[in-house]
Amino acid sequence: MRRDKEPQHVSDTISINGLTIDRTGFAVYQDGRKITLPKKEFELLAFLAASPHKVFGREELLQNIWGSDVFVLARTVDVHVRKVREKVGDHHIQTIKGVGYKFNID
């Protein structure tokens, strides 16, 4: 008999290096200062921050953030990453050339 894995509990708040992401309140704070992000930018940041140091390809990000029922180009991810970097700083999201993006905690 096969057992299904129990669902992983994802914390409602992620705090890393002065950046706090409140998933329930859709709020981001950088060193105590509130940063306003549109929904998709927030979801992208929260998704990457939930698995620091894990590299996600563009297609995987598109699938997890936008879903399969919406047609968007892979470059949409690049644009959203650029906008998130402008708002929260370049050092949080790193580009892995030819692969995708990862969230840094260093």
PDB file of N, CA and C in Angstrom:
ATOM      1  N   MET A   1       0.835  -1.163   0.000  1.00  0.00           N
ATOM      2  CA  MET A   1       0.000   0.000   0.000  1.00  0.00           C
ATOM      3  C   MET A   1       0.895   1.246   0.000  1.00  0.00           C
ATOM      4  N   ARG A   2       0.590   2.185  -0.848  1.00  0.00           N
ATOM      5  CA  ARG A   2       1.396   3.389  -0.991  1.00  0.00           C
ATOM      6  C   ARG A   2       0.881   4.492  -0.068  1.00  0.00           C
ATOM      7  N   ARG A   3       1.807   5.139   0.605  1.00  0.00           N
ATOM      8  CA  ARG A   3       1.433   6.277   1.448  1.00  0.00           C
ATOM      9  C   ARG A   3       1.770   7.572   0.732  1.00  0.00           C
ATOM     10  N   ASP A   4       0.850   8.493   0.774  1.00  0.00           N
ATOM     11  CA  ASP A   4       1.126   9.810   0.225  1.00  0.00           C
ATOM     12  C   ASP A   4       1.910  10.609   1.249  1.00  0.00           C
ATOM     13  N   LYS A   5       2.800  11.427   0.740  1.00  0.00           N
ATOM     14  CA  LYS A   5       3.554  12.289   1.651  1.00  0.00           C
ATOM     15  C   LYS A   5       2.624  13.331   2.236  1.00  0.00           C
ATOM     16  N   GLU A   6       2.880  13.670   3.475  1.00  0.00           N
ATOM     17  CA  GLU A   6       2.091  14.716   4.108  1.00  0.00           C
ATOM     18  C   GLU A   6       2.462  16.048   3.480  1.00  0.00           C
ATOM     19  N   PRO A   7       1.499  16.939   3.328  1.00  0.00           N
ATOM     20  CA  PRO A   7       1.814  18.228   2.735  1.00  0.00           C
ATOM     21  C   PRO A   7       2.813  18.992   3.590  1.00  0.00           C
ATOM     22  N   GLN A   8       3.759  19.641   2.906  1.00  0.00           N
ATOM     23  CA  GLN A   8       4.750  20.433   3.612  1.00  0.00           C
ATOM     24  C   GLN A   8       4.105  21.720   4.097  1.00  0.00           C
ATOM     25  N   HIS A   9       4.415  22.063   5.333  1.00  0.00           N
ATOM     26  CA  HIS A   9       3.896  23.310   5.891  1.00  0.00           C
ATOM     27  C   HIS A   9       4.801  24.445   5.443  1.00  0.00           C
ATOM     28  N   VAL A  10       4.231  25.443   4.804  1.00  0.00           N
ATOM     29  CA  VAL A  10       4.976  26.602   4.357  1.00  0.00           C
ATOM     30  C   VAL A  10       4.660  27.741   5.318  1.00  0.00           C
ATOM     31  N   SER A  11       5.698  28.321   5.869  1.00  0.00           N
ATOM     32  CA  SER A  11       5.523  29.401   6.826  1.00  0.00           C
ATOM     33  C   SER A  11       4.848  30.602   6.167  1.00  0.00           C
ATOM     34  N   ASP A  12       4.037  31.299   6.948  1.00  0.00           N
ATOM     35  CA  ASP A  12       3.359  32.489   6.447  1.00  0.00           C
ATOM     36  C   ASP A  12       4.305  33.672   6.327  1.00  0.00           C
ATOM     37  N   THR A  13       5.431  33.635   7.035  1.00  0.00           N
ATOM     38  CA  THR A  13       6.406  34.717   7.008  1.00  0.00           C
ATOM     39  C   THR A  13       7.792  34.153   6.748  1.00  0.00           C
ATOM     40  N   ILE A  14       8.500  34.794   5.827  1.00  0.00           N
ATOM     41  CA  ILE A  14       9.883  34.435   5.523  1.00  0.00           C
ATOM     42  C   ILE A  14      10.730  35.647   5.868  1.00  0.00           C
ATOM     43  N   SER A  15      11.751  35.460   6.697  1.00  0.00           N
ATOM     44  CA  SER A  15      12.663  36.549   7.052  1.00  0.00           C
ATOM     45  C   SER A  15      14.092  36.129   6.754  1.00  0.00           C
ATOM     46  N   ILE A  16      14.722  36.864   5.827  1.00  0.00           N
ATOM     47  CA  ILE A  16      16.085  36.551   5.424  1.00  0.00           C
ATOM     48  C   ILE A  16      16.831  37.863   5.180  1.00  0.00           C
ATOM     49  N   ASN A  17      17.947  38.046   5.881  1.00  0.00           N
ATOM     50  CA  ASN A  17      18.844  39.191   5.662  1.00  0.00           C
ATOM     51  C   ASN A  17      18.131  40.537   5.586  1.00  0.00           C
ATOM     52  N   GLY A  18      17.281  40.831   6.533  1.00  0.00           N
ATOM     53  CA  GLY A  18      16.595  42.118   6.568  1.00  0.00           C
ATOM     54  C   GLY A  18      15.382  42.217   5.672  1.00  0.00           C
ATOM     55  N   LEU A  19      15.097  41.150   4.929  1.00  0.00           N
ATOM     56  CA  LEU A  19      13.932  41.110   4.053  1.00  0.00           C
ATOM     57  C   LEU A  19      12.882  40.211   4.701  1.00  0.00           C
ATOM     58  N   THR A  20      11.682  40.749   4.895  1.00  0.00           N
ATOM     59  CA  THR A  20      10.586  39.981   5.479  1.00  0.00           C
ATOM     60  C   THR A  20       9.444  39.912   4.483  1.00  0.00           C
ATOM     61  N   ILE A  21       8.988  38.697   4.204  1.00  0.00           N
ATOM     62  CA  ILE A  21       7.895  38.471   3.260  1.00  0.00           C
ATOM     63  C   ILE A  21       6.735  37.874   4.048  1.00  0.00           C
ATOM     64  N   ASP A  22       5.646  38.626   4.125  1.00  0.00           N
ATOM     65  CA  ASP A  22       4.442  38.195   4.833  1.00  0.00           C
ATOM     66  C   ASP A  22       3.446  37.690   3.787  1.00  0.00           C
ATOM     67  N   ARG A  23       3.332  36.371   3.677  1.00  0.00           N
ATOM     68  CA  ARG A  23       2.469  35.769   2.651  1.00  0.00           C
ATOM     69  C   ARG A  23       0.989  36.039   2.875  1.00  0.00           C
ATOM     70  N   THR A  24       0.559  36.077   4.108  1.00  0.00           N
ATOM     71  CA  THR A  24      -0.869  36.279   4.358  1.00  0.00           C
ATOM     72  C   THR A  24      -1.286  37.722   4.124  1.00  0.00           C
ATOM     73  N   GLY A  25      -0.405  38.665   4.392  1.00  0.00           N
ATOM     74  CA  GLY A  25      -0.723  40.072   4.202  1.00  0.00           C
ATOM     75  C   GLY A  25      -0.233  40.638   2.883  1.00  0.00           C
ATOM     76  N   PHE A  26       0.374  39.782   2.039  1.00  0.00           N
ATOM     77  CA  PHE A  26       0.956  40.210   0.760  1.00  0.00           C
ATOM     78  C   PHE A  26       1.805  41.462   0.949  1.00  0.00           C
ATOM     79  N   ALA A  27       2.682  41.425   1.962  1.00  0.00           N
ATOM     80  CA  ALA A  27       3.528  42.581   2.260  1.00  0.00           C
ATOM     81  C   ALA A  27       4.994  42.165   2.289  1.00  0.00           C
ATOM     82  N   VAL A  28       5.851  43.075   1.855  1.00  0.00           N
ATOM     83  CA  VAL A  28       7.291  42.862   1.886  1.00  0.00           C
ATOM     84  C   VAL A  28       7.909  44.030   2.637  1.00  0.00           C
ATOM     85  N   TYR A  29       8.829  43.718   3.543  1.00  0.00           N
ATOM     86  CA  TYR A  29       9.528  44.747   4.314  1.00  0.00           C
ATOM     87  C   TYR A  29      11.022  44.560   4.137  1.00  0.00           C
ATOM     88  N   GLN A  30      11.709  45.633   3.809  1.00  0.00           N
ATOM     89  CA  GLN A  30      13.165  45.643   3.682  1.00  0.00           C
ATOM     90  C   GLN A  30      13.695  46.510   4.811  1.00  0.00           C
ATOM     91  N   ASP A  31      14.340  45.901   5.803  1.00  0.00           N
ATOM     92  CA  ASP A  31      14.858  46.617   6.969  1.00  0.00           C
ATOM     93  C   ASP A  31      13.776  47.476   7.626  1.00  0.00           C
ATOM     94  N   GLY A  32      12.569  46.933   7.751  1.00  0.00           N
ATOM     95  CA  GLY A  32      11.460  47.615   8.406  1.00  0.00           C
ATOM     96  C   GLY A  32      10.652  48.551   7.513  1.00  0.00           C
ATOM     97  N   ARG A  33      11.141  48.818   6.302  1.00  0.00           N
ATOM     98  CA  ARG A  33      10.449  49.711   5.365  1.00  0.00           C
ATOM     99  C   ARG A  33       9.577  48.861   4.447  1.00  0.00           C
ATOM    100  N   LYS A  34       8.288  49.226   4.342  1.00  0.00           N
ATOM    101  CA  LYS A  34       7.365  48.454   3.513  1.00  0.00           C
ATOM    102  C   LYS A  34       7.623  48.725   2.034  1.00  0.00           C
ATOM    103  N   ILE A  35       7.655  47.646   1.268  1.00  0.00           N
ATOM    104  CA  ILE A  35       7.832  47.716  -0.181  1.00  0.00           C
ATOM    105  C   ILE A  35       6.569  47.169  -0.825  1.00  0.00           C
ATOM    106  N   THR A  36       5.994  47.924  -1.720  1.00  0.00           N
ATOM    107  CA  THR A  36       4.780  47.496  -2.402  1.00  0.00           C
ATOM    108  C   THR A  36       5.151  46.789  -3.705  1.00  0.00           C
ATOM    109  N   LEU A  37       4.671  45.569  -3.837  1.00  0.00           N
ATOM    110  CA  LEU A  37       4.897  44.781  -5.053  1.00  0.00           C
ATOM    111  C   LEU A  37       3.557  44.357  -5.639  1.00  0.00           C
ATOM    112  N   PRO A  38       3.439  44.400  -6.970  1.00  0.00           N
ATOM    113  CA  PRO A  38       2.252  43.820  -7.600  1.00  0.00           C
ATOM    114  C   PRO A  38       2.191  42.316  -7.312  1.00  0.00           C
ATOM    115  N   LYS A  39       1.038  41.717  -7.505  1.00  0.00           N
ATOM    116  CA  LYS A  39       0.801  40.326  -7.131  1.00  0.00           C
ATOM    117  C   LYS A  39       1.823  39.345  -7.710  1.00  0.00           C
ATOM    118  N   LYS A  40       2.083  39.383  -8.986  1.00  0.00           N
ATOM    119  CA  LYS A  40       3.005  38.420  -9.599  1.00  0.00           C
ATOM    120  C   LYS A  40       4.439  38.624  -9.134  1.00  0.00           C
ATOM    121  N   GLU A  41       4.855  39.866  -8.940  1.00  0.00           N
ATOM    122  CA  GLU A  41       6.189  40.123  -8.410  1.00  0.00           C
ATOM    123  C   GLU A  41       6.299  39.579  -6.991  1.00  0.00           C
ATOM    124  N   PHE A  42       5.253  39.789  -6.186  1.00  0.00           N
ATOM    125  CA  PHE A  42       5.232  39.261  -4.825  1.00  0.00           C
ATOM    126  C   PHE A  42       5.311  37.733  -4.848  1.00  0.00           C
ATOM    127  N   GLU A  43       4.497  37.100  -5.678  1.00  0.00           N
ATOM    128  CA  GLU A  43       4.480  35.637  -5.747  1.00  0.00           C
ATOM    129  C   GLU A  43       5.833  35.093  -6.204  1.00  0.00           C
ATOM    130  N   LEU A  44       6.476  35.768  -7.146  1.00  0.00           N
ATOM    131  CA  LEU A  44       7.794  35.343  -7.621  1.00  0.00           C
ATOM    132  C   LEU A  44       8.820  35.432  -6.496  1.00  0.00           C
ATOM    133  N   LEU A  45       8.849  36.550  -5.796  1.00  0.00           N
ATOM    134  CA  LEU A  45       9.788  36.727  -4.692  1.00  0.00           C
ATOM    135  C   LEU A  45       9.536  35.702  -3.591  1.00  0.00           C
ATOM    136  N   ALA A  46       8.289  35.516  -3.209  1.00  0.00           N
ATOM    137  CA  ALA A  46       7.958  34.561  -2.147  1.00  0.00           C
ATOM    138  C   ALA A  46       8.301  33.132  -2.550  1.00  0.00           C
ATOM    139  N   PHE A  47       8.052  32.784  -3.811  1.00  0.00           N
ATOM    140  CA  PHE A  47       8.361  31.435  -4.293  1.00  0.00           C
ATOM    141  C   PHE A  47       9.860  31.172  -4.238  1.00  0.00           C
ATOM    142  N   LEU A  48      10.657  32.118  -4.727  1.00  0.00           N
ATOM    143  CA  LEU A  48      12.112  31.941  -4.713  1.00  0.00           C
ATOM    144  C   LEU A  48      12.651  31.918  -3.278  1.00  0.00           C
ATOM    145  N   ALA A  49      12.141  32.805  -2.422  1.00  0.00           N
ATOM    146  CA  ALA A  49      12.623  32.896  -1.043  1.00  0.00           C
ATOM    147  C   ALA A  49      12.251  31.675  -0.212  1.00  0.00           C
ATOM    148  N   ALA A  50      11.197  30.982  -0.593  1.00  0.00           N
ATOM    149  CA  ALA A  50      10.781  29.790   0.145  1.00  0.00           C
ATOM    150  C   ALA A  50      11.779  28.647  -0.002  1.00  0.00           C
ATOM    151  N   SER A  51      12.597  28.687  -1.054  1.00  0.00           N
ATOM    152  CA  SER A  51      13.621  27.657  -1.291  1.00  0.00           C
ATOM    153  C   SER A  51      14.952  28.321  -1.622  1.00  0.00           C
ATOM    154  N   PRO A  52      15.569  28.965  -0.616  1.00  0.00           N
ATOM    155  CA  PRO A  52      16.824  29.667  -0.897  1.00  0.00           C
ATOM    156  C   PRO A  52      17.894  28.721  -1.429  1.00  0.00           C
ATOM    157  N   HIS A  53      18.695  29.229  -2.311  1.00  0.00           N
ATOM    158  CA  HIS A  53      19.807  28.524  -2.962  1.00  0.00           C
ATOM    159  C   HIS A  53      19.365  27.469  -3.978  1.00  0.00           C
ATOM    160  N   LYS A  54      18.083  27.240  -4.134  1.00  0.00           N
ATOM    161  CA  LYS A  54      17.620  26.301  -5.151  1.00  0.00           C
ATOM    162  C   LYS A  54      17.411  27.073  -6.457  1.00  0.00           C
ATOM    163  N   VAL A  55      17.949  26.536  -7.537  1.00  0.00           N
ATOM    164  CA  VAL A  55      17.843  27.195  -8.833  1.00  0.00           C
ATOM    165  C   VAL A  55      16.566  26.737  -9.532  1.00  0.00           C
ATOM    166  N   PHE A  56      15.797  27.713 -10.006  1.00  0.00           N
ATOM    167  CA  PHE A  56      14.566  27.438 -10.736  1.00  0.00           C
ATOM    168  C   PHE A  56      14.705  27.955 -12.166  1.00  0.00           C
ATOM    169  N   GLY A  57      14.390  27.098 -13.130  1.00  0.00           N
ATOM    170  CA  GLY A  57      14.391  27.507 -14.527  1.00  0.00           C
ATOM    171  C   GLY A  57      13.185  28.370 -14.844  1.00  0.00           C
ATOM    172  N   ARG A  58      13.258  29.081 -15.951  1.00  0.00           N
ATOM    173  CA  ARG A  58      12.154  29.964 -16.347  1.00  0.00           C
ATOM    174  C   ARG A  58      10.845  29.203 -16.503  1.00  0.00           C
ATOM    175  N   GLU A  59      10.907  28.055 -17.139  1.00  0.00           N
ATOM    176  CA  GLU A  59       9.683  27.269 -17.354  1.00  0.00           C
ATOM    177  C   GLU A  59       9.062  26.827 -16.037  1.00  0.00           C
ATOM    178  N   GLU A  60       9.886  26.442 -15.100  1.00  0.00           N
ATOM    179  CA  GLU A  60       9.378  26.020 -13.790  1.00  0.00           C
ATOM    180  C   GLU A  60       8.736  27.205 -13.059  1.00  0.00           C
ATOM    181  N   LEU A  61       9.353  28.369 -13.150  1.00  0.00           N
ATOM    182  CA  LEU A  61       8.781  29.570 -12.541  1.00  0.00           C
ATOM    183  C   LEU A  61       7.468  29.950 -13.215  1.00  0.00           C
ATOM    184  N   LEU A  62       7.429  29.870 -14.537  1.00  0.00           N
ATOM    185  CA  LEU A  62       6.188  30.169 -15.258  1.00  0.00           C
ATOM    186  C   LEU A  62       5.067  29.242 -14.810  1.00  0.00           C
ATOM    187  N   GLN A  63       5.383  27.969 -14.699  1.00  0.00           N
ATOM    188  CA  GLN A  63       4.381  26.974 -14.297  1.00  0.00           C
ATOM    189  C   GLN A  63       3.870  27.234 -12.887  1.00  0.00           C
ATOM    190  N   ASN A  64       4.777  27.536 -11.961  1.00  0.00           N
ATOM    191  CA  ASN A  64       4.401  27.714 -10.556  1.00  0.00           C
ATOM    192  C   ASN A  64       3.787  29.062 -10.239  1.00  0.00           C
ATOM    193  N   ILE A  65       4.163  30.106 -10.954  1.00  0.00           N
ATOM    194  CA  ILE A  65       3.662  31.448 -10.664  1.00  0.00           C
ATOM    195  C   ILE A  65       2.463  31.803 -11.535  1.00  0.00           C
ATOM    196  N   TRP A  66       2.580  31.558 -12.836  1.00  0.00           N
ATOM    197  CA  TRP A  66       1.509  31.944 -13.758  1.00  0.00           C
ATOM    198  C   TRP A  66       0.538  30.809 -14.050  1.00  0.00           C
ATOM    199  N   GLY A  67       0.993  29.571 -13.926  1.00  0.00           N
ATOM    200  CA  GLY A  67       0.132  28.417 -14.189  1.00  0.00           C
ATOM    201  C   GLY A  67       0.109  28.048 -15.650  1.00  0.00           C
ATOM    202  N   SER A  68      -0.557  26.954 -15.939  1.00  0.00           N
ATOM    203  CA  SER A  68      -0.579  26.441 -17.312  1.00  0.00           C
ATOM    204  C   SER A  68      -1.730  27.001 -18.135  1.00  0.00           C
ATOM    205  N   ASP A  69      -2.678  27.654 -17.496  1.00  0.00           N
ATOM    206  CA  ASP A  69      -3.837  28.154 -18.229  1.00  0.00           C
ATOM    207  C   ASP A  69      -3.630  29.562 -18.797  1.00  0.00           C
ATOM    208  N   VAL A  70      -2.450  30.142 -18.553  1.00  0.00           N
ATOM    209  CA  VAL A  70      -2.149  31.484 -19.055  1.00  0.00           C
ATOM    210  C   VAL A  70      -0.975  31.390 -20.012  1.00  0.00           C
ATOM    211  N   PHE A  71      -1.081  32.052 -21.160  1.00  0.00           N
ATOM    212  CA  PHE A  71       0.014  32.040 -22.123  1.00  0.00           C
ATOM    213  C   PHE A  71       0.901  33.251 -21.902  1.00  0.00           C
ATOM    214  N   VAL A  72       2.112  33.006 -21.413  1.00  0.00           N
ATOM    215  CA  VAL A  72       3.113  34.054 -21.249  1.00  0.00           C
ATOM    216  C   VAL A  72       4.444  33.525 -21.757  1.00  0.00           C
ATOM    217  N   LEU A  73       5.301  34.429 -22.192  1.00  0.00           N
ATOM    218  CA  LEU A  73       6.610  34.054 -22.708  1.00  0.00           C
ATOM    219  C   LEU A  73       7.613  33.887 -21.577  1.00  0.00           C
ATOM    220  N   ALA A  74       8.657  33.124 -21.833  1.00  0.00           N
ATOM    221  CA  ALA A  74       9.691  32.892 -20.825  1.00  0.00           C
ATOM    222  C   ALA A  74      10.351  34.193 -20.394  1.00  0.00           C
ATOM    223  N   ARG A  75      10.438  35.152 -21.295  1.00  0.00           N
ATOM    224  CA  ARG A  75      11.057  36.448 -20.968  1.00  0.00           C
ATOM    225  C   ARG A  75      10.225  37.250 -19.971  1.00  0.00           C
ATOM    226  N   THR A  76       8.980  36.872 -19.775  1.00  0.00           N
ATOM    227  CA  THR A  76       8.139  37.516 -18.768  1.00  0.00           C
ATOM    228  C   THR A  76       8.782  37.359 -17.394  1.00  0.00           C
ATOM    229  N   VAL A  77       9.371  36.205 -17.143  1.00  0.00           N
ATOM    230  CA  VAL A  77      10.053  35.960 -15.869  1.00  0.00           C
ATOM    231  C   VAL A  77      11.197  36.957 -15.712  1.00  0.00           C
ATOM    232  N   ASP A  78      11.982  37.150 -16.771  1.00  0.00           N
ATOM    233  CA  ASP A  78      13.124  38.071 -16.711  1.00  0.00           C
ATOM    234  C   ASP A  78      12.679  39.487 -16.353  1.00  0.00           C
ATOM    235  N   VAL A  79      11.594  39.923 -16.957  1.00  0.00           N
ATOM    236  CA  VAL A  79      11.076  41.271 -16.690  1.00  0.00           C
ATOM    237  C   VAL A  79      10.638  41.393 -15.233  1.00  0.00           C
ATOM    238  N   HIS A  80       9.928  40.402 -14.726  1.00  0.00           N
ATOM    239  CA  HIS A  80       9.464  40.438 -13.336  1.00  0.00           C
ATOM    240  C   HIS A  80      10.640  40.371 -12.353  1.00  0.00           C
ATOM    241  N   VAL A  81      11.644  39.566 -12.662  1.00  0.00           N
ATOM    242  CA  VAL A  81      12.827  39.499 -11.808  1.00  0.00           C
ATOM    243  C   VAL A  81      13.516  40.862 -11.773  1.00  0.00           C
ATOM    244  N   ARG A  82      13.643  41.506 -12.918  1.00  0.00           N
ATOM    245  CA  ARG A  82      14.271  42.831 -12.979  1.00  0.00           C
ATOM    246  C   ARG A  82      13.514  43.830 -12.108  1.00  0.00           C
ATOM    247  N   LYS A  83      12.188  43.806 -12.187  1.00  0.00           N
ATOM    248  CA  LYS A  83      11.377  44.729 -11.393  1.00  0.00           C
ATOM    249  C   LYS A  83      11.493  44.447  -9.894  1.00  0.00           C
ATOM    250  N   VAL A  84      11.526  43.169  -9.516  1.00  0.00           N
ATOM    251  CA  VAL A  84      11.694  42.817  -8.102  1.00  0.00           C
ATOM    252  C   VAL A  84      13.061  43.292  -7.618  1.00  0.00           C
ATOM    253  N   ARG A  85      14.099  43.089  -8.423  1.00  0.00           N
ATOM    254  CA  ARG A  85      15.442  43.543  -8.049  1.00  0.00           C
ATOM    255  C   ARG A  85      15.492  45.049  -7.843  1.00  0.00           C
ATOM    256  N   GLU A  86      14.816  45.790  -8.691  1.00  0.00           N
ATOM    257  CA  GLU A  86      14.783  47.247  -8.556  1.00  0.00           C
ATOM    258  C   GLU A  86      14.188  47.672  -7.209  1.00  0.00           C
ATOM    259  N   LYS A  87      13.241  46.892  -6.725  1.00  0.00           N
ATOM    260  CA  LYS A  87      12.520  47.264  -5.508  1.00  0.00           C
ATOM    261  C   LYS A  87      13.154  46.731  -4.228  1.00  0.00           C
ATOM    262  N   VAL A  88      13.708  45.520  -4.265  1.00  0.00           N
ATOM    263  CA  VAL A  88      14.254  44.923  -3.040  1.00  0.00           C
ATOM    264  C   VAL A  88      15.777  44.813  -3.044  1.00  0.00           C
ATOM    265  N   GLY A  89      16.414  45.088  -4.164  1.00  0.00           N
ATOM    266  CA  GLY A  89      17.872  45.028  -4.253  1.00  0.00           C
ATOM    267  C   GLY A  89      18.345  43.861  -5.101  1.00  0.00           C
ATOM    268  N   ASP A  90      19.466  44.084  -5.763  1.00  0.00           N
ATOM    269  CA  ASP A  90      20.038  43.095  -6.678  1.00  0.00           C
ATOM    270  C   ASP A  90      20.563  41.843  -5.989  1.00  0.00           C
ATOM    271  N   HIS A  91      20.987  41.983  -4.747  1.00  0.00           N
ATOM    272  CA  HIS A  91      21.689  40.888  -4.082  1.00  0.00           C
ATOM    273  C   HIS A  91      20.798  39.719  -3.661  1.00  0.00           C
ATOM    274  N   HIS A  92      19.493  39.880  -3.673  1.00  0.00           N
ATOM    275  CA  HIS A  92      18.615  38.795  -3.224  1.00  0.00           C
ATOM    276  C   HIS A  92      18.390  37.717  -4.283  1.00  0.00           C
ATOM    277  N   ILE A  93      18.264  38.108  -5.541  1.00  0.00           N
ATOM    278  CA  ILE A  93      17.999  37.143  -6.609  1.00  0.00           C
ATOM    279  C   ILE A  93      19.199  37.102  -7.542  1.00  0.00           C
ATOM    280  N   GLN A  94      19.740  35.909  -7.713  1.00  0.00           N
ATOM    281  CA  GLN A  94      20.916  35.720  -8.561  1.00  0.00           C
ATOM    282  C   GLN A  94      20.523  35.000  -9.845  1.00  0.00           C
ATOM    283  N   THR A  95      21.084  35.453 -10.958  1.00  0.00           N
ATOM    284  CA  THR A  95      20.891  34.789 -12.241  1.00  0.00           C
ATOM    285  C   THR A  95      21.945  33.709 -12.404  1.00  0.00           C
ATOM    286  N   ILE A  96      21.520  32.519 -12.759  1.00  0.00           N
ATOM    287  CA  ILE A  96      22.430  31.437 -13.104  1.00  0.00           C
ATOM    288  C   ILE A  96      22.326  31.303 -14.626  1.00  0.00           C
ATOM    289  N   LYS A  97      23.324  31.796 -15.330  1.00  0.00           N
ATOM    290  CA  LYS A  97      23.264  31.874 -16.792  1.00  0.00           C
ATOM    291  C   LYS A  97      22.952  30.528 -17.430  1.00  0.00           C
ATOM    292  N   GLY A  98      21.984  30.556 -18.326  1.00  0.00           N
ATOM    293  CA  GLY A  98      21.585  29.361 -19.052  1.00  0.00           C
ATOM    294  C   GLY A  98      20.720  28.399 -18.255  1.00  0.00           C
ATOM    295  N   VAL A  99      20.450  28.727 -16.978  1.00  0.00           N
ATOM    296  CA  VAL A  99      19.677  27.821 -16.136  1.00  0.00           C
ATOM    297  C   VAL A  99      18.424  28.506 -15.601  1.00  0.00           C
ATOM    298  N   GLY A 100      18.604  29.598 -14.849  1.00  0.00           N
ATOM    299  CA  GLY A 100      17.446  30.277 -14.261  1.00  0.00           C
ATOM    300  C   GLY A 100      17.853  31.216 -13.149  1.00  0.00           C
ATOM    301  N   TYR A 101      17.077  31.196 -12.055  1.00  0.00           N
ATOM    302  CA  TYR A 101      17.272  32.127 -10.950  1.00  0.00           C
ATOM    303  C   TYR A 101      17.231  31.401  -9.621  1.00  0.00           C
ATOM    304  N   LYS A 102      17.912  32.004  -8.638  1.00  0.00           N
ATOM    305  CA  LYS A 102      17.846  31.480  -7.275  1.00  0.00           C
ATOM    306  C   LYS A 102      17.861  32.631  -6.294  1.00  0.00           C
ATOM    307  N   PHE A 103      17.348  32.396  -5.101  1.00  0.00           N
ATOM    308  CA  PHE A 103      17.317  33.374  -4.023  1.00  0.00           C
ATOM    309  C   PHE A 103      18.540  33.144  -3.153  1.00  0.00           C
ATOM    310  N   ASN A 104      19.289  34.204  -2.915  1.00  0.00           N
ATOM    311  CA  ASN A 104      20.502  34.119  -2.082  1.00  0.00           C
ATOM    312  C   ASN A 104      20.191  34.520  -0.659  1.00  0.00           C
ATOM    313  N   ILE A 105      20.805  33.847   0.303  1.00  0.00           N
ATOM    314  CA  ILE A 105      20.678  34.260   1.689  1.00  0.00           C
ATOM    315  C   ILE A 105      22.004  34.785   2.223  1.00  0.00           C
ATOM    316  N   ASP A 106      22.998  34.845   1.386  1.00  0.00           N
ATOM    317  CA  ASP A 106      24.318  35.361   1.807  1.00  0.00           C
ATOM    318  C   ASP A 106      24.365  36.858   1.721  1.00  0.00           C
TER     319      ASP A 106
END
